[in-house]
Amino acid sequence: MASEAAELYGNTYILEIMRSKSKVLILVLLSISTIIIDSCECFFSDEKLTIQRKDYSGDELKTGGYYTNNYYDYGTFLYRNGIVMKIPGKENNYAEDRFLDEDLIKHVKRYKDYWAVFEINNDNIIIQGWGPGDGSLTNGLPVITQYGKILNDTTFVLTKHEKGGKTTDINHVYSFHEFSPKPDSTNHFIK
């Protein structure tokens, strides 16, 4: 009986050691995986903007409000610091109270694809920001560049959309709406 107890105790002890080693092995593998994913830019690496943010001091377009367009239900804000912020509307309703909704603004500030930079040269406008990715686990957000013409100080039309080396013709007409106070353009994505 004493030998059976010793054998049972020995087997229990061996099982506990094996369980303990398995837990350690799992923790080591998880730690190594986390380090590899965190340090490898091949996972979820967003494309970099090629246009630098520059202050806008011109008068080609008004900046004291927001723009709406004939395609997306977003309010698009152009700021004097060269930043663009898009705030989602609601079913083609640009209810201005949404632009002051603190929870919505917090949501917008968390996601890169609501932000862009713009550049104006004479009557040409370029807007460059991030857009939806392709859903793969190894690709981050792609850069989207849109090109257009300024028709007057309250209207511009984007005519080309470029993403991933592919250019598409578009016809998105933006119209200005005076609005104050505009949401703050501070964000973590564009410096």
Foldseek 3Di string as FASTA:
>chain_A
DVVVVVVVVVVVVVVVVVVVVVVVVVVVVVVVVVVCQVPDCQFQNEDDDPDAFAFADDQQADQQFFKDKDPFQWTWGQDRRQKIFTQHDPPNHNPVVSQVPPVSVVVSQVDFQRMWGWDDDPFKIKTKGWDDDPPDRRYHTWIKIWIWGRPGHFKIWTAWIDTPNDIDGDTIMIGGDRDPDGDDPDHDPHD
